[in-house]
Amino acid sequence: METAYFIETIIKIVVILLVFSALAGFGTYFERKILAFMQRRLGPMNVGPFGVLQIAADGIKLFTKEDIVPTNAVGPIFKIAPVITAATAFMAAAAIPFMPQFTIFGYTVHPIVADVNIGILYILGVMAVGFYGPLLGSLASSNKFALLSAARAAAVFISYEVVTGLSLLAPLMMVGSFSLIDFNNYQAGGIGDWIIWSQPVAFVLFWIAAFAETGRTPFHLVANDHEIIDGFGTEYSGMRWGLFFIGEYANMFFISFVIVLLFLGGFGDGSVFGALMFLLKMAFFFFFFLWTRAAWPDIRPDQLMWLCWKVLMPLAVLNVVVTGFVMMF
């Protein structure tokens, strides 16, 4: 039994790495096509039918491009920073159930690497460590634009991690567990049991913080293209640059799964229909990341901090207090 569990775990890890690495590539294609559609353009069209082979062309380009390390850069830190970003994104996936359990040839498969009883805390902690990728990459680059990006990264990630944590306190009080499986089971009774109905404020706060945690528009100040070139990625080339964006797109997929599991019923009772709806709900949130980039401008750094500390954080604290009183009485 232990051997079977070990083999199953290894297979699940490999599948997650391969599938979501590939999805990160497809994510760039989807983003370019969606942005093009919303801006009355065509997007990738020349490489393959409808430009779908652009994904392979981009991959070949990144793998074959020269890996440049600037003369004055801190070499070891400069090289390891992209690995931190990609690795922490995939490490966070260990506590996420990607579909209900199923049986194949009499063996029950649990599509989660590790259902630890502190799953949400683990995911938030690992994703927080991922912040060190852009930060160290920026500081080690010996580039003033990258340094500015590092300062913004520190401000954005640290500030909005507070909102992320506080927004989850009220749902955690209701469910009484840090396990995403328990969150799913809590809402398994149907759409009326979804936590979003009893915790709409927590849902909106967590959703907003997810944009900041993934560095997406309108919180794209870490690498605001029209101000600081490519931010922390200014001095990067080849696959090291690619690792940053594999991490970013993987985080978008994983945080979309987490939002659905926390607030929108997850995969429900584990039926095929529930699993299909789970994937569709996740796809909507991933699409919304792309939609927002096409429709919403970046905000100023002072506006970002004002929103966090003077609006979102007080709302999160108030939501926790109100939830506590409601549960008491």
C-alpha atoms as a PDB file:
ATOM      1  CA  MET A   1       0.000   0.000   0.000  1.00  0.00           C
ATOM      2  CA  GLU A   2       2.819   2.420   0.844  1.00  0.00           C
ATOM      3  CA  THR A   3       4.495   1.623  -2.495  1.00  0.00           C
ATOM      4  CA  ALA A   4       1.245   2.291  -4.380  1.00  0.00           C
ATOM      5  CA  TYR A   5       0.771   5.589  -2.510  1.00  0.00           C
ATOM      6  CA  PHE A   6       4.360   6.616  -3.299  1.00  0.00           C
ATOM      7  CA  ILE A   7       3.959   5.810  -7.010  1.00  0.00           C
ATOM      8  CA  GLU A   8       0.587   7.600  -7.125  1.00  0.00           C
ATOM      9  CA  THR A   9       2.113  10.701  -5.510  1.00  0.00           C
ATOM     10  CA  ILE A  10       5.021  10.780  -7.975  1.00  0.00           C
ATOM     11  CA  ILE A  11       2.614  10.415 -10.913  1.00  0.00           C
ATOM     12  CA  LYS A  12       0.420  13.245  -9.608  1.00  0.00           C
ATOM     13  CA  ILE A  13       3.440  15.537  -9.183  1.00  0.00           C
ATOM     14  CA  VAL A  14       4.677  14.808 -12.713  1.00  0.00           C
ATOM     15  CA  VAL A  15       1.184  15.315 -14.179  1.00  0.00           C
ATOM     16  CA  ILE A  16       0.768  18.677 -12.412  1.00  0.00           C
ATOM     17  CA  LEU A  17       4.187  19.851 -13.587  1.00  0.00           C
ATOM     18  CA  LEU A  18       3.591  18.808 -17.199  1.00  0.00           C
ATOM     19  CA  VAL A  19      -0.050  19.873 -17.502  1.00  0.00           C
ATOM     20  CA  PHE A  20       0.264  23.293 -15.905  1.00  0.00           C
ATOM     21  CA  SER A  21       3.585  24.061 -17.589  1.00  0.00           C
ATOM     22  CA  ALA A  22       1.805  23.411 -20.883  1.00  0.00           C
ATOM     23  CA  LEU A  23      -1.245  25.390 -19.765  1.00  0.00           C
ATOM     24  CA  ALA A  24       1.012  28.331 -18.957  1.00  0.00           C
ATOM     25  CA  GLY A  25       2.035  28.339 -22.611  1.00  0.00           C
ATOM     26  CA  PHE A  26      -1.554  28.034 -23.769  1.00  0.00           C
ATOM     27  CA  GLY A  27      -2.446  30.799 -21.299  1.00  0.00           C
ATOM     28  CA  THR A  28      -0.233  33.243 -23.191  1.00  0.00           C
ATOM     29  CA  TYR A  29      -1.975  32.273 -26.438  1.00  0.00           C
ATOM     30  CA  PHE A  30      -5.446  32.667 -24.909  1.00  0.00           C
ATOM     31  CA  GLU A  31      -4.470  36.026 -23.465  1.00  0.00           C
ATOM     32  CA  ARG A  32      -3.180  37.342 -26.780  1.00  0.00           C
ATOM     33  CA  LYS A  33      -6.291  36.170 -28.638  1.00  0.00           C
ATOM     34  CA  ILE A  34      -8.702  37.540 -26.014  1.00  0.00           C
ATOM     35  CA  LEU A  35      -6.921  40.899 -25.872  1.00  0.00           C
ATOM     36  CA  ALA A  36      -6.922  41.014 -29.662  1.00  0.00           C
ATOM     37  CA  PHE A  37     -10.660  40.258 -29.817  1.00  0.00           C
ATOM     38  CA  MET A  38     -11.474  42.953 -27.278  1.00  0.00           C
ATOM     39  CA  GLN A  39      -9.277  45.482 -29.090  1.00  0.00           C
ATOM     40  CA  ARG A  40     -10.515  44.559 -32.612  1.00  0.00           C
ATOM     41  CA  ARG A  41      -7.290  42.864 -33.678  1.00  0.00           C
ATOM     42  CA  LEU A  42      -6.480  39.333 -34.819  1.00  0.00           C
ATOM     43  CA  GLY A  43      -3.680  38.321 -32.481  1.00  0.00           C
ATOM     44  CA  PRO A  44      -1.399  35.405 -33.475  1.00  0.00           C
ATOM     45  CA  MET A  45      -2.449  34.173 -36.933  1.00  0.00           C
ATOM     46  CA  ASN A  46       0.618  33.274 -39.012  1.00  0.00           C
ATOM     47  CA  VAL A  47       2.112  30.244 -37.224  1.00  0.00           C
ATOM     48  CA  GLY A  48      -0.234  27.310 -37.690  1.00  0.00           C
ATOM     49  CA  PRO A  49      -4.046  27.406 -37.963  1.00  0.00           C
ATOM     50  CA  PHE A  50      -5.337  30.481 -36.105  1.00  0.00           C
ATOM     51  CA  GLY A  51      -1.784  30.989 -34.841  1.00  0.00           C
ATOM     52  CA  VAL A  52      -2.022  28.064 -32.389  1.00  0.00           C
ATOM     53  CA  LEU A  53       1.542  26.922 -33.156  1.00  0.00           C
ATOM     54  CA  GLN A  54       2.767  30.289 -31.862  1.00  0.00           C
ATOM     55  CA  ILE A  55       2.964  28.515 -28.479  1.00  0.00           C
ATOM     56  CA  ALA A  56       5.568  26.070 -29.822  1.00  0.00           C
ATOM     57  CA  ALA A  57       7.417  28.889 -31.625  1.00  0.00           C
ATOM     58  CA  ASP A  58       7.625  30.907 -28.392  1.00  0.00           C
ATOM     59  CA  GLY A  59       8.856  27.851 -26.495  1.00  0.00           C
ATOM     60  CA  ILE A  60      11.579  27.119 -29.052  1.00  0.00           C
ATOM     61  CA  LYS A  61      12.630  30.763 -28.993  1.00  0.00           C
ATOM     62  CA  LEU A  62      12.924  30.832 -25.200  1.00  0.00           C
ATOM     63  CA  PHE A  63      14.865  27.559 -25.005  1.00  0.00           C
ATOM     64  CA  THR A  64      17.333  28.519 -27.732  1.00  0.00           C
ATOM     65  CA  LYS A  65      17.848  32.169 -26.855  1.00  0.00           C
ATOM     66  CA  GLU A  66      21.182  33.148 -25.295  1.00  0.00           C
ATOM     67  CA  ASP A  67      21.151  33.213 -21.494  1.00  0.00           C
ATOM     68  CA  ILE A  68      22.661  36.602 -20.647  1.00  0.00           C
ATOM     69  CA  VAL A  69      23.855  37.532 -17.149  1.00  0.00           C
ATOM     70  CA  PRO A  70      24.723  41.253 -16.831  1.00  0.00           C
ATOM     71  CA  THR A  71      28.306  42.077 -15.918  1.00  0.00           C
ATOM     72  CA  ASN A  72      27.487  43.747 -12.604  1.00  0.00           C
ATOM     73  CA  ALA A  73      24.711  41.355 -11.591  1.00  0.00           C
ATOM     74  CA  VAL A  74      24.990  39.109  -8.534  1.00  0.00           C
ATOM     75  CA  GLY A  75      25.266  35.905 -10.556  1.00  0.00           C
ATOM     76  CA  PRO A  76      23.998  33.129  -8.234  1.00  0.00           C
ATOM     77  CA  ILE A  77      21.013  35.135  -6.973  1.00  0.00           C
ATOM     78  CA  PHE A  78      20.211  36.408 -10.469  1.00  0.00           C
ATOM     79  CA  LYS A  79      20.095  32.828 -11.750  1.00  0.00           C
ATOM     80  CA  ILE A  80      18.074  31.291  -8.921  1.00  0.00           C
ATOM     81  CA  ALA A  81      15.356  33.995  -8.734  1.00  0.00           C
ATOM     82  CA  PRO A  82      13.248  32.720 -11.690  1.00  0.00           C
ATOM     83  CA  VAL A  83      13.430  29.177 -10.303  1.00  0.00           C
ATOM     84  CA  ILE A  84      11.967  30.410  -6.990  1.00  0.00           C
ATOM     85  CA  THR A  85       8.997  31.969  -8.792  1.00  0.00           C
ATOM     86  CA  ALA A  86       8.172  28.858 -10.829  1.00  0.00           C
ATOM     87  CA  ALA A  87       8.933  26.344  -8.066  1.00  0.00           C
ATOM     88  CA  THR A  88       6.790  28.025  -5.392  1.00  0.00           C
ATOM     89  CA  ALA A  89       3.853  28.271  -7.810  1.00  0.00           C
ATOM     90  CA  PHE A  90       3.910  24.507  -8.388  1.00  0.00           C
ATOM     91  CA  MET A  91       4.597  23.760  -4.720  1.00  0.00           C
ATOM     92  CA  ALA A  92       1.377  25.585  -3.807  1.00  0.00           C
ATOM     93  CA  ALA A  93      -0.531  23.142  -6.024  1.00  0.00           C
ATOM     94  CA  ALA A  94       0.248  20.269  -3.641  1.00  0.00           C
ATOM     95  CA  ALA A  95      -2.713  21.091  -1.376  1.00  0.00           C
ATOM     96  CA  ILE A  96      -5.261  21.822  -4.147  1.00  0.00           C
ATOM     97  CA  PRO A  97      -7.788  19.105  -5.137  1.00  0.00           C
ATOM     98  CA  PHE A  98      -8.154  19.490  -8.905  1.00  0.00           C
ATOM     99  CA  MET A  99     -11.179  17.199  -9.261  1.00  0.00           C
ATOM    100  CA  PRO A 100     -13.191  14.721  -7.179  1.00  0.00           C
ATOM    101  CA  GLN A 101     -11.730  11.340  -6.377  1.00  0.00           C
ATOM    102  CA  PHE A 102     -12.356   8.561  -8.884  1.00  0.00           C
ATOM    103  CA  THR A 103     -11.733   4.828  -9.214  1.00  0.00           C
ATOM    104  CA  ILE A 104      -9.721   3.222 -12.005  1.00  0.00           C
ATOM    105  CA  PHE A 105      -9.151  -0.552 -12.197  1.00  0.00           C
ATOM    106  CA  GLY A 106     -10.400  -0.854  -8.629  1.00  0.00           C
ATOM    107  CA  TYR A 107      -7.916   1.708  -7.287  1.00  0.00           C
ATOM    108  CA  THR A 108      -9.248   4.970  -5.822  1.00  0.00           C
ATOM    109  CA  VAL A 109      -7.311   8.020  -7.001  1.00  0.00           C
ATOM    110  CA  HIS A 110      -7.366  11.222  -4.947  1.00  0.00           C
ATOM    111  CA  PRO A 111      -6.454  14.128  -7.311  1.00  0.00           C
ATOM    112  CA  ILE A 112      -4.584  16.013  -4.615  1.00  0.00           C
ATOM    113  CA  VAL A 113      -0.908  15.533  -3.800  1.00  0.00           C
ATOM    114  CA  ALA A 114      -1.310  16.077  -0.056  1.00  0.00           C
ATOM    115  CA  ASP A 115      -4.572  16.783   1.783  1.00  0.00           C
ATOM    116  CA  VAL A 116      -2.837  18.361   4.764  1.00  0.00           C
ATOM    117  CA  ASN A 117      -5.034  19.772   7.516  1.00  0.00           C
ATOM    118  CA  ILE A 118      -3.434  23.209   7.064  1.00  0.00           C
ATOM    119  CA  GLY A 119      -3.853  23.266   3.274  1.00  0.00           C
ATOM    120  CA  ILE A 120      -4.960  26.900   2.940  1.00  0.00           C
ATOM    121  CA  LEU A 121      -2.243  28.099   5.305  1.00  0.00           C
ATOM    122  CA  TYR A 122       0.303  26.094   3.313  1.00  0.00           C
ATOM    123  CA  ILE A 123      -0.860  27.552  -0.017  1.00  0.00           C
ATOM    124  CA  LEU A 124      -0.758  31.130   1.267  1.00  0.00           C
ATOM    125  CA  GLY A 125       2.651  30.572   2.846  1.00  0.00           C
ATOM    126  CA  VAL A 126       4.237  29.063  -0.255  1.00  0.00           C
ATOM    127  CA  MET A 127       2.751  31.690  -2.559  1.00  0.00           C
ATOM    128  CA  ALA A 128       4.111  34.356  -0.215  1.00  0.00           C
ATOM    129  CA  VAL A 129       7.589  32.861  -0.550  1.00  0.00           C
ATOM    130  CA  GLY A 130       7.192  33.201  -4.317  1.00  0.00           C
ATOM    131  CA  PHE A 131       7.456  36.955  -3.802  1.00  0.00           C
ATOM    132  CA  TYR A 132      11.200  36.478  -3.295  1.00  0.00           C
ATOM    133  CA  GLY A 133      11.608  35.538  -6.981  1.00  0.00           C
ATOM    134  CA  PRO A 134      10.834  38.988  -8.432  1.00  0.00           C
ATOM    135  CA  LEU A 135      12.394  40.690  -5.403  1.00  0.00           C
ATOM    136  CA  LEU A 136      15.743  38.882  -5.581  1.00  0.00           C
ATOM    137  CA  GLY A 137      15.799  39.023  -9.378  1.00  0.00           C
ATOM    138  CA  SER A 138      15.298  42.771  -9.259  1.00  0.00           C
ATOM    139  CA  LEU A 139      17.889  43.403  -6.562  1.00  0.00           C
ATOM    140  CA  ALA A 140      20.495  41.189  -8.243  1.00  0.00           C
ATOM    141  CA  SER A 141      20.080  42.716 -11.720  1.00  0.00           C
ATOM    142  CA  SER A 142      22.097  45.907 -11.183  1.00  0.00           C
ATOM    143  CA  ASN A 143      19.434  47.882 -13.023  1.00  0.00           C
ATOM    144  CA  LYS A 144      17.638  50.944 -11.676  1.00  0.00           C
ATOM    145  CA  PHE A 145      14.336  50.019 -13.324  1.00  0.00           C
ATOM    146  CA  ALA A 146      14.517  46.535 -11.841  1.00  0.00           C
ATOM    147  CA  LEU A 147      15.320  48.079  -8.446  1.00  0.00           C
ATOM    148  CA  LEU A 148      12.191  50.233  -8.698  1.00  0.00           C
ATOM    149  CA  SER A 149      10.272  47.075  -9.521  1.00  0.00           C
ATOM    150  CA  ALA A 150      11.653  45.396  -6.384  1.00  0.00           C
ATOM    151  CA  ALA A 151      10.461  48.282  -4.215  1.00  0.00           C
ATOM    152  CA  ARG A 152       6.999  48.091  -5.722  1.00  0.00           C
ATOM    153  CA  ALA A 153       6.931  44.309  -5.405  1.00  0.00           C
ATOM    154  CA  ALA A 154       7.683  44.556  -1.688  1.00  0.00           C
ATOM    155  CA  ALA A 155       4.933  47.132  -1.190  1.00  0.00           C
ATOM    156  CA  VAL A 156       2.281  45.303  -3.214  1.00  0.00           C
ATOM    157  CA  PHE A 157       2.827  41.718  -2.079  1.00  0.00           C
ATOM    158  CA  ILE A 158       3.326  42.412   1.619  1.00  0.00           C
ATOM    159  CA  SER A 159       0.334  44.772   1.775  1.00  0.00           C
ATOM    160  CA  TYR A 160      -2.123  42.557  -0.054  1.00  0.00           C
ATOM    161  CA  GLU A 161      -1.062  39.407   1.771  1.00  0.00           C
ATOM    162  CA  VAL A 162      -2.605  41.076   4.823  1.00  0.00           C
ATOM    163  CA  VAL A 163      -5.901  41.478   2.960  1.00  0.00           C
ATOM    164  CA  THR A 164      -5.727  37.893   1.680  1.00  0.00           C
ATOM    165  CA  GLY A 165      -5.255  36.490   5.170  1.00  0.00           C
ATOM    166  CA  LEU A 166      -7.903  38.661   6.816  1.00  0.00           C
ATOM    167  CA  SER A 167     -10.454  37.958   4.088  1.00  0.00           C
ATOM    168  CA  LEU A 168     -10.180  34.217   4.761  1.00  0.00           C
ATOM    169  CA  LEU A 169     -10.619  34.422   8.532  1.00  0.00           C
ATOM    170  CA  ALA A 170     -14.421  34.652   8.374  1.00  0.00           C
ATOM    171  CA  PRO A 171     -14.882  31.636   6.028  1.00  0.00           C
ATOM    172  CA  LEU A 172     -12.394  29.690   8.145  1.00  0.00           C
ATOM    173  CA  MET A 173     -14.464  30.462  11.252  1.00  0.00           C
ATOM    174  CA  MET A 174     -17.521  29.021   9.514  1.00  0.00           C
ATOM    175  CA  VAL A 175     -15.924  25.841   8.150  1.00  0.00           C
ATOM    176  CA  GLY A 176     -13.565  25.198  11.065  1.00  0.00           C
ATOM    177  CA  SER A 177     -10.823  23.717   8.893  1.00  0.00           C
ATOM    178  CA  PHE A 178      -7.868  24.756   6.737  1.00  0.00           C
ATOM    179  CA  SER A 179      -8.381  21.855   4.305  1.00  0.00           C
ATOM    180  CA  LEU A 180      -9.744  22.673   0.856  1.00  0.00           C
ATOM    181  CA  ILE A 181     -11.402  19.239   0.822  1.00  0.00           C
ATOM    182  CA  ASP A 182     -13.341  20.247   3.947  1.00  0.00           C
ATOM    183  CA  PHE A 183     -14.300  23.541   2.304  1.00  0.00           C
ATOM    184  CA  ASN A 184     -15.641  21.601  -0.680  1.00  0.00           C
ATOM    185  CA  ASN A 185     -17.579  19.193   1.518  1.00  0.00           C
ATOM    186  CA  TYR A 186     -19.047  22.093   3.524  1.00  0.00           C
ATOM    187  CA  GLN A 187     -20.638  23.365   0.292  1.00  0.00           C
ATOM    188  CA  ALA A 188     -21.565  19.966  -1.177  1.00  0.00           C
ATOM    189  CA  GLY A 189     -25.282  20.428  -0.536  1.00  0.00           C
ATOM    190  CA  GLY A 190     -25.760  22.526  -3.650  1.00  0.00           C
ATOM    191  CA  ILE A 191     -25.638  26.090  -4.871  1.00  0.00           C
ATOM    192  CA  GLY A 192     -27.531  27.332  -1.809  1.00  0.00           C
ATOM    193  CA  ASP A 193     -24.684  26.160   0.441  1.00  0.00           C
ATOM    194  CA  TRP A 194     -21.959  28.094  -1.382  1.00  0.00           C
ATOM    195  CA  ILE A 195     -19.977  30.274   0.996  1.00  0.00           C
ATOM    196  CA  ILE A 196     -20.232  33.258  -1.354  1.00  0.00           C
ATOM    197  CA  TRP A 197     -23.828  33.830  -0.194  1.00  0.00           C
ATOM    198  CA  SER A 198     -22.876  34.121   3.475  1.00  0.00           C
ATOM    199  CA  GLN A 199     -19.469  35.732   2.863  1.00  0.00           C
ATOM    200  CA  PRO A 200     -19.809  38.052  -0.173  1.00  0.00           C
ATOM    201  CA  VAL A 201     -17.438  40.606   1.344  1.00  0.00           C
ATOM    202  CA  ALA A 202     -14.745  37.977   1.945  1.00  0.00           C
ATOM    203  CA  PHE A 203     -15.197  36.736  -1.634  1.00  0.00           C
ATOM    204  CA  VAL A 204     -14.728  40.196  -3.170  1.00  0.00           C
ATOM    205  CA  LEU A 205     -11.756  40.987  -0.924  1.00  0.00           C
ATOM    206  CA  PHE A 206     -10.015  37.697  -1.724  1.00  0.00           C
ATOM    207  CA  TRP A 207     -10.700  38.135  -5.442  1.00  0.00           C
ATOM    208  CA  ILE A 208      -9.222  41.644  -5.460  1.00  0.00           C
ATOM    209  CA  ALA A 209      -6.191  40.490  -3.466  1.00  0.00           C
ATOM    210  CA  ALA A 210      -5.699  37.649  -5.979  1.00  0.00           C
ATOM    211  CA  PHE A 211      -5.016  40.235  -8.696  1.00  0.00           C
ATOM    212  CA  ALA A 212      -2.355  41.835  -6.518  1.00  0.00           C
ATOM    213  CA  GLU A 213      -0.822  38.488  -5.509  1.00  0.00           C
ATOM    214  CA  THR A 214      -0.486  37.430  -9.147  1.00  0.00           C
ATOM    215  CA  GLY A 215       0.711  40.869 -10.281  1.00  0.00           C
ATOM    216  CA  ARG A 216      -2.082  41.255 -12.817  1.00  0.00           C
ATOM    217  CA  THR A 217      -3.742  44.418 -14.132  1.00  0.00           C
ATOM    218  CA  PRO A 218      -4.874  46.732 -12.546  1.00  0.00           C
ATOM    219  CA  PHE A 219      -2.199  45.870  -9.953  1.00  0.00           C
ATOM    220  CA  HIS A 220       0.547  45.365 -12.520  1.00  0.00           C
ATOM    221  CA  LEU A 221       2.872  47.846 -10.841  1.00  0.00           C
ATOM    222  CA  VAL A 222       5.635  45.294 -10.291  1.00  0.00           C
ATOM    223  CA  ALA A 223       6.385  45.387 -14.031  1.00  0.00           C
ATOM    224  CA  ASN A 224       4.431  48.365 -15.314  1.00  0.00           C
ATOM    225  CA  ASP A 225       5.515  48.348 -18.949  1.00  0.00           C
ATOM    226  CA  HIS A 226       4.904  52.009 -19.742  1.00  0.00           C
ATOM    227  CA  GLU A 227       6.896  53.188 -16.702  1.00  0.00           C
ATOM    228  CA  ILE A 228       9.673  50.734 -15.815  1.00  0.00           C
ATOM    229  CA  ILE A 229      10.239  48.715 -19.007  1.00  0.00           C
ATOM    230  CA  ASP A 230       9.839  45.063 -17.950  1.00  0.00           C
ATOM    231  CA  GLY A 231      10.337  45.584 -14.227  1.00  0.00           C
ATOM    232  CA  PHE A 232      12.088  42.685 -12.517  1.00  0.00           C
ATOM    233  CA  GLY A 233      12.502  40.929 -15.882  1.00  0.00           C
ATOM    234  CA  THR A 234      14.347  43.788 -17.595  1.00  0.00           C
ATOM    235  CA  GLU A 235      17.753  42.061 -17.604  1.00  0.00           C
ATOM    236  CA  TYR A 236      16.475  38.510 -18.131  1.00  0.00           C
ATOM    237  CA  SER A 237      16.515  36.584 -21.388  1.00  0.00           C
ATOM    238  CA  GLY A 238      15.767  33.096 -22.650  1.00  0.00           C
ATOM    239  CA  MET A 239      14.239  30.494 -20.406  1.00  0.00           C
ATOM    240  CA  ARG A 240      15.029  32.354 -17.176  1.00  0.00           C
ATOM    241  CA  TRP A 241      12.653  35.054 -18.392  1.00  0.00           C
ATOM    242  CA  GLY A 242      10.225  32.296 -19.350  1.00  0.00           C
ATOM    243  CA  LEU A 243      10.274  30.806 -15.845  1.00  0.00           C
ATOM    244  CA  PHE A 244       8.949  34.047 -14.383  1.00  0.00           C
ATOM    245  CA  PHE A 245       5.958  33.869 -16.677  1.00  0.00           C
ATOM    246  CA  ILE A 246       5.383  30.156 -16.218  1.00  0.00           C
ATOM    247  CA  GLY A 247       5.134  30.964 -12.510  1.00  0.00           C
ATOM    248  CA  GLU A 248       2.771  33.884 -13.148  1.00  0.00           C
ATOM    249  CA  TYR A 249       0.365  31.930 -15.343  1.00  0.00           C
ATOM    250  CA  ALA A 250       0.513  28.845 -13.113  1.00  0.00           C
ATOM    251  CA  ASN A 251      -0.400  31.087 -10.155  1.00  0.00           C
ATOM    252  CA  MET A 252      -3.373  32.423 -12.112  1.00  0.00           C
ATOM    253  CA  PHE A 253      -4.638  28.878 -12.705  1.00  0.00           C
ATOM    254  CA  PHE A 254      -4.041  27.773  -9.121  1.00  0.00           C
ATOM    255  CA  ILE A 255      -5.623  30.841  -7.504  1.00  0.00           C
ATOM    256  CA  SER A 256      -8.656  30.348  -9.777  1.00  0.00           C
ATOM    257  CA  PHE A 257      -9.025  26.791  -8.432  1.00  0.00           C
ATOM    258  CA  VAL A 258      -8.700  28.094  -4.866  1.00  0.00           C
ATOM    259  CA  ILE A 259     -11.369  30.797  -5.322  1.00  0.00           C
ATOM    260  CA  VAL A 260     -13.846  28.221  -6.628  1.00  0.00           C
ATOM    261  CA  LEU A 261     -13.064  25.769  -3.818  1.00  0.00           C
ATOM    262  CA  LEU A 262     -13.346  28.429  -1.124  1.00  0.00           C
ATOM    263  CA  PHE A 263     -16.463  30.293  -2.207  1.00  0.00           C
ATOM    264  CA  LEU A 264     -18.251  28.680  -5.158  1.00  0.00           C
ATOM    265  CA  GLY A 265     -18.865  25.104  -4.117  1.00  0.00           C
ATOM    266  CA  GLY A 266     -15.762  23.466  -5.584  1.00  0.00           C
ATOM    267  CA  PHE A 267     -16.675  20.209  -7.341  1.00  0.00           C
ATOM    268  CA  GLY A 268     -19.732  19.696  -5.136  1.00  0.00           C
ATOM    269  CA  ASP A 269     -20.775  16.121  -4.432  1.00  0.00           C
ATOM    270  CA  GLY A 270     -18.081  14.665  -6.688  1.00  0.00           C
ATOM    271  CA  SER A 271     -20.298  13.812  -9.653  1.00  0.00           C
ATOM    272  CA  VAL A 272     -19.156  14.144 -13.261  1.00  0.00           C
ATOM    273  CA  PHE A 273     -21.392  17.208 -13.642  1.00  0.00           C
ATOM    274  CA  GLY A 274     -19.842  18.731 -10.507  1.00  0.00           C
ATOM    275  CA  ALA A 275     -16.335  18.126 -11.839  1.00  0.00           C
ATOM    276  CA  LEU A 276     -17.242  19.713 -15.188  1.00  0.00           C
ATOM    277  CA  MET A 277     -18.776  22.758 -13.503  1.00  0.00           C
ATOM    278  CA  PHE A 278     -15.680  23.006 -11.296  1.00  0.00           C
ATOM    279  CA  LEU A 279     -13.472  23.324 -14.377  1.00  0.00           C
ATOM    280  CA  LEU A 280     -15.845  25.810 -16.014  1.00  0.00           C
ATOM    281  CA  LYS A 281     -15.916  28.016 -12.928  1.00  0.00           C
ATOM    282  CA  MET A 282     -12.125  27.918 -12.755  1.00  0.00           C
ATOM    283  CA  ALA A 283     -11.936  28.810 -16.467  1.00  0.00           C
ATOM    284  CA  PHE A 284     -14.172  31.829 -15.878  1.00  0.00           C
ATOM    285  CA  PHE A 285     -11.864  33.242 -13.211  1.00  0.00           C
ATOM    286  CA  PHE A 286      -8.816  32.670 -15.405  1.00  0.00           C
ATOM    287  CA  PHE A 287     -10.654  34.408 -18.242  1.00  0.00           C
ATOM    288  CA  PHE A 288     -11.506  37.299 -15.904  1.00  0.00           C
ATOM    289  CA  PHE A 289      -7.794  37.872 -15.265  1.00  0.00           C
ATOM    290  CA  LEU A 290      -7.364  38.337 -19.012  1.00  0.00           C
ATOM    291  CA  TRP A 291     -10.560  40.349 -19.451  1.00  0.00           C
ATOM    292  CA  THR A 292      -9.483  42.812 -16.761  1.00  0.00           C
ATOM    293  CA  ARG A 293      -6.168  43.407 -18.488  1.00  0.00           C
ATOM    294  CA  ALA A 294      -8.013  44.379 -21.667  1.00  0.00           C
ATOM    295  CA  ALA A 295     -10.598  46.573 -19.959  1.00  0.00           C
ATOM    296  CA  TRP A 296      -8.964  48.236 -16.960  1.00  0.00           C
ATOM    297  CA  PRO A 297      -5.983  50.628 -16.729  1.00  0.00           C
ATOM    298  CA  ASP A 298      -3.211  50.293 -14.148  1.00  0.00           C
ATOM    299  CA  ILE A 299      -3.626  52.407 -11.044  1.00  0.00           C
ATOM    300  CA  ARG A 300      -0.960  54.553  -9.386  1.00  0.00           C
ATOM    301  CA  PRO A 301       1.143  53.131  -6.527  1.00  0.00           C
ATOM    302  CA  ASP A 302      -0.343  55.590  -4.005  1.00  0.00           C
ATOM    303  CA  GLN A 303      -3.858  54.572  -5.081  1.00  0.00           C
ATOM    304  CA  LEU A 304      -2.928  50.923  -4.654  1.00  0.00           C
ATOM    305  CA  MET A 305      -1.711  51.462  -1.091  1.00  0.00           C
ATOM    306  CA  TRP A 306      -4.706  53.662  -0.240  1.00  0.00           C
ATOM    307  CA  LEU A 307      -7.077  50.960  -1.479  1.00  0.00           C
ATOM    308  CA  CYS A 308      -5.313  48.294   0.578  1.00  0.00           C
ATOM    309  CA  TRP A 309      -4.837  50.002   3.938  1.00  0.00           C
ATOM    310  CA  LYS A 310      -7.775  52.414   4.046  1.00  0.00           C
ATOM    311  CA  VAL A 311     -10.508  50.429   2.294  1.00  0.00           C
ATOM    312  CA  LEU A 312      -9.873  46.702   1.959  1.00  0.00           C
ATOM    313  CA  MET A 313      -8.175  45.991   5.291  1.00  0.00           C
ATOM    314  CA  PRO A 314     -10.811  47.806   7.436  1.00  0.00           C
ATOM    315  CA  LEU A 315     -13.536  45.994   5.482  1.00  0.00           C
ATOM    316  CA  ALA A 316     -11.822  42.652   6.117  1.00  0.00           C
ATOM    317  CA  VAL A 317     -11.513  43.316   9.859  1.00  0.00           C
ATOM    318  CA  LEU A 318     -15.131  44.478  10.049  1.00  0.00           C
ATOM    319  CA  ASN A 319     -16.255  41.332   8.207  1.00  0.00           C
ATOM    320  CA  VAL A 320     -14.434  39.126  10.709  1.00  0.00           C
ATOM    321  CA  VAL A 321     -16.014  40.972  13.666  1.00  0.00           C
ATOM    322  CA  VAL A 322     -19.537  40.792  12.188  1.00  0.00           C
ATOM    323  CA  THR A 323     -19.118  37.100  11.379  1.00  0.00           C
ATOM    324  CA  GLY A 324     -17.972  36.442  14.934  1.00  0.00           C
ATOM    325  CA  PHE A 325     -21.023  38.176  16.414  1.00  0.00           C
ATOM    326  CA  VAL A 326     -23.396  36.338  14.057  1.00  0.00           C
ATOM    327  CA  MET A 327     -21.874  32.976  14.980  1.00  0.00           C
ATOM    328  CA  MET A 328     -22.124  33.777  18.682  1.00  0.00           C
ATOM    329  CA  PHE A 329     -25.798  34.657  18.544  1.00  0.00           C
END
